[in-house]
N, C-alpha and C. Protein backbone atom coordinates (compact mmCIF):
# COMPACT_ATOMS: atom_id res chain seq x y z
N MET A 1 105.74 70.30 130.61
CA MET A 1 106.46 71.55 130.76
C MET A 1 105.50 72.60 131.35
N ALA A 2 105.92 73.18 132.40
CA ALA A 2 105.10 74.20 133.07
C ALA A 2 105.26 75.53 132.35
N ARG A 3 104.15 76.22 132.21
CA ARG A 3 104.19 77.54 131.59
C ARG A 3 104.22 78.60 132.68
N LYS A 4 105.02 79.59 132.44
CA LYS A 4 105.11 80.69 133.40
C LYS A 4 104.55 81.94 132.75
N ALA A 5 103.95 82.74 133.54
CA ALA A 5 103.43 84.02 133.05
C ALA A 5 103.88 85.11 134.00
N PHE A 6 104.24 86.20 133.42
CA PHE A 6 104.64 87.35 134.21
C PHE A 6 103.59 88.43 134.04
N HIS A 7 103.18 89.03 135.10
CA HIS A 7 102.20 90.11 135.07
C HIS A 7 102.88 91.37 135.56
N TYR A 8 102.72 92.41 134.79
CA TYR A 8 103.31 93.69 135.16
C TYR A 8 102.20 94.72 135.30
N ARG A 9 102.23 95.48 136.34
CA ARG A 9 101.27 96.56 136.52
C ARG A 9 101.89 97.83 135.97
N LEU A 10 101.07 98.61 135.30
CA LEU A 10 101.51 99.91 134.80
C LEU A 10 100.91 101.00 135.67
N TYR A 11 101.69 101.96 136.00
CA TYR A 11 101.20 103.12 136.73
C TYR A 11 101.62 104.37 135.96
N PRO A 12 100.94 104.61 134.83
CA PRO A 12 101.34 105.75 134.01
C PRO A 12 100.93 107.08 134.65
N SER A 13 101.69 108.10 134.31
CA SER A 13 101.31 109.45 134.74
C SER A 13 100.10 109.87 133.91
N ARG A 14 99.50 110.98 134.25
CA ARG A 14 98.31 111.42 133.49
C ARG A 14 98.61 111.65 132.01
N PRO A 15 99.70 112.34 131.67
CA PRO A 15 100.00 112.50 130.23
C PRO A 15 100.24 111.17 129.53
N GLN A 16 100.91 110.24 130.21
CA GLN A 16 101.14 108.93 129.62
C GLN A 16 99.82 108.17 129.44
N ALA A 17 98.92 108.28 130.42
CA ALA A 17 97.63 107.61 130.33
C ALA A 17 96.82 108.16 129.16
N ARG A 18 96.89 109.49 128.95
CA ARG A 18 96.18 110.08 127.81
C ARG A 18 96.75 109.58 126.50
N LEU A 19 98.07 109.46 126.42
CA LEU A 19 98.71 108.96 125.21
C LEU A 19 98.36 107.49 124.97
N LEU A 20 98.33 106.70 126.02
CA LEU A 20 97.93 105.29 125.88
C LEU A 20 96.49 105.18 125.42
N ASP A 21 95.60 106.02 125.97
CA ASP A 21 94.20 106.01 125.54
C ASP A 21 94.06 106.41 124.08
N ALA A 22 94.82 107.43 123.66
CA ALA A 22 94.77 107.87 122.26
C ALA A 22 95.27 106.78 121.32
N THR A 23 96.33 106.08 121.73
CA THR A 23 96.87 104.99 120.92
C THR A 23 95.87 103.86 120.81
N LEU A 24 95.24 103.50 121.91
CA LEU A 24 94.23 102.45 121.91
C LEU A 24 93.04 102.83 121.02
N GLU A 25 92.62 104.07 121.07
CA GLU A 25 91.52 104.55 120.25
C GLU A 25 91.88 104.48 118.76
N THR A 26 93.11 104.85 118.42
CA THR A 26 93.56 104.76 117.03
C THR A 26 93.55 103.32 116.55
N CYS A 27 94.04 102.41 117.37
CA CYS A 27 94.05 100.98 117.01
C CYS A 27 92.63 100.46 116.85
N ARG A 28 91.73 100.86 117.72
CA ARG A 28 90.34 100.42 117.64
C ARG A 28 89.70 100.89 116.35
N LEU A 29 89.90 102.15 116.00
CA LEU A 29 89.33 102.70 114.77
C LEU A 29 89.89 101.99 113.54
N PHE A 30 91.20 101.74 113.53
CA PHE A 30 91.83 101.06 112.40
C PHE A 30 91.28 99.64 112.26
N TYR A 31 91.16 98.92 113.37
CA TYR A 31 90.63 97.56 113.34
C TYR A 31 89.19 97.54 112.81
N ASN A 32 88.37 98.46 113.31
CA ASN A 32 86.97 98.50 112.88
C ASN A 32 86.84 98.88 111.41
N ASP A 33 87.68 99.78 110.91
CA ASP A 33 87.66 100.13 109.49
C ASP A 33 88.04 98.93 108.62
N CYS A 34 89.07 98.20 109.05
CA CYS A 34 89.49 97.01 108.31
C CYS A 34 88.40 95.95 108.31
N LEU A 35 87.77 95.76 109.46
CA LEU A 35 86.70 94.77 109.56
C LEU A 35 85.53 95.16 108.67
N ALA A 36 85.17 96.44 108.64
CA ALA A 36 84.07 96.91 107.78
C ALA A 36 84.41 96.68 106.31
N GLU A 37 85.67 96.91 105.94
CA GLU A 37 86.09 96.69 104.55
C GLU A 37 85.97 95.22 104.18
N ARG A 38 86.38 94.33 105.08
CA ARG A 38 86.28 92.90 104.82
C ARG A 38 84.83 92.44 104.71
N LYS A 39 83.98 92.95 105.60
CA LYS A 39 82.56 92.58 105.56
C LYS A 39 81.91 93.07 104.27
N ALA A 40 82.22 94.29 103.86
CA ALA A 40 81.64 94.85 102.64
C ALA A 40 82.08 94.05 101.42
N ALA A 41 83.34 93.66 101.35
CA ALA A 41 83.84 92.88 100.22
C ALA A 41 83.12 91.53 100.15
N TYR A 42 82.87 90.93 101.30
CA TYR A 42 82.20 89.64 101.30
C TYR A 42 80.72 89.78 100.91
N GLN A 43 80.05 90.80 101.43
CA GLN A 43 78.63 90.99 101.13
C GLN A 43 78.39 91.42 99.69
N GLU A 44 79.25 92.26 99.16
CA GLU A 44 79.05 92.78 97.81
C GLU A 44 79.55 91.83 96.73
N ARG A 45 80.70 91.20 96.94
CA ARG A 45 81.32 90.39 95.90
C ARG A 45 81.52 88.93 96.28
N GLY A 46 81.21 88.58 97.53
CA GLY A 46 81.43 87.21 97.99
C GLY A 46 82.92 86.88 98.08
N GLU A 47 83.73 87.91 98.21
CA GLU A 47 85.18 87.77 98.22
C GLU A 47 85.70 87.88 99.66
N THR A 48 86.60 86.97 100.02
CA THR A 48 87.24 87.08 101.32
C THR A 48 88.59 87.74 101.13
N ILE A 49 88.90 88.65 102.00
CA ILE A 49 90.16 89.38 101.93
C ILE A 49 91.01 88.97 103.12
N GLY A 50 92.21 88.54 102.85
CA GLY A 50 93.13 88.15 103.92
C GLY A 50 93.77 89.37 104.56
N LYS A 51 94.33 89.15 105.71
CA LYS A 51 94.97 90.23 106.46
C LYS A 51 96.08 90.90 105.67
N TYR A 52 96.98 90.11 105.10
CA TYR A 52 98.13 90.68 104.40
C TYR A 52 97.70 91.34 103.09
N GLU A 53 96.73 90.75 102.44
CA GLU A 53 96.20 91.37 101.21
C GLU A 53 95.58 92.72 101.52
N GLN A 54 94.89 92.79 102.61
CA GLN A 54 94.23 94.04 103.00
C GLN A 54 95.27 95.09 103.41
N LEU A 55 96.31 94.69 104.08
CA LEU A 55 97.33 95.65 104.51
C LEU A 55 98.13 96.20 103.33
N ARG A 56 98.20 95.44 102.22
CA ARG A 56 98.89 95.93 101.03
C ARG A 56 98.10 97.09 100.48
């Protein structure tokens, strides 16, 4: 079975580009905070925290 992929180019306006950048920055900060929490739990208590457990 052949796989198909579609590629779409985005040409956002300047306000849209700023909003996309802000959203990406928020996601990056959230991911890094979650990763730091998981690393700290493992280093301090030897405990692994799953994604869903952490989101609760």
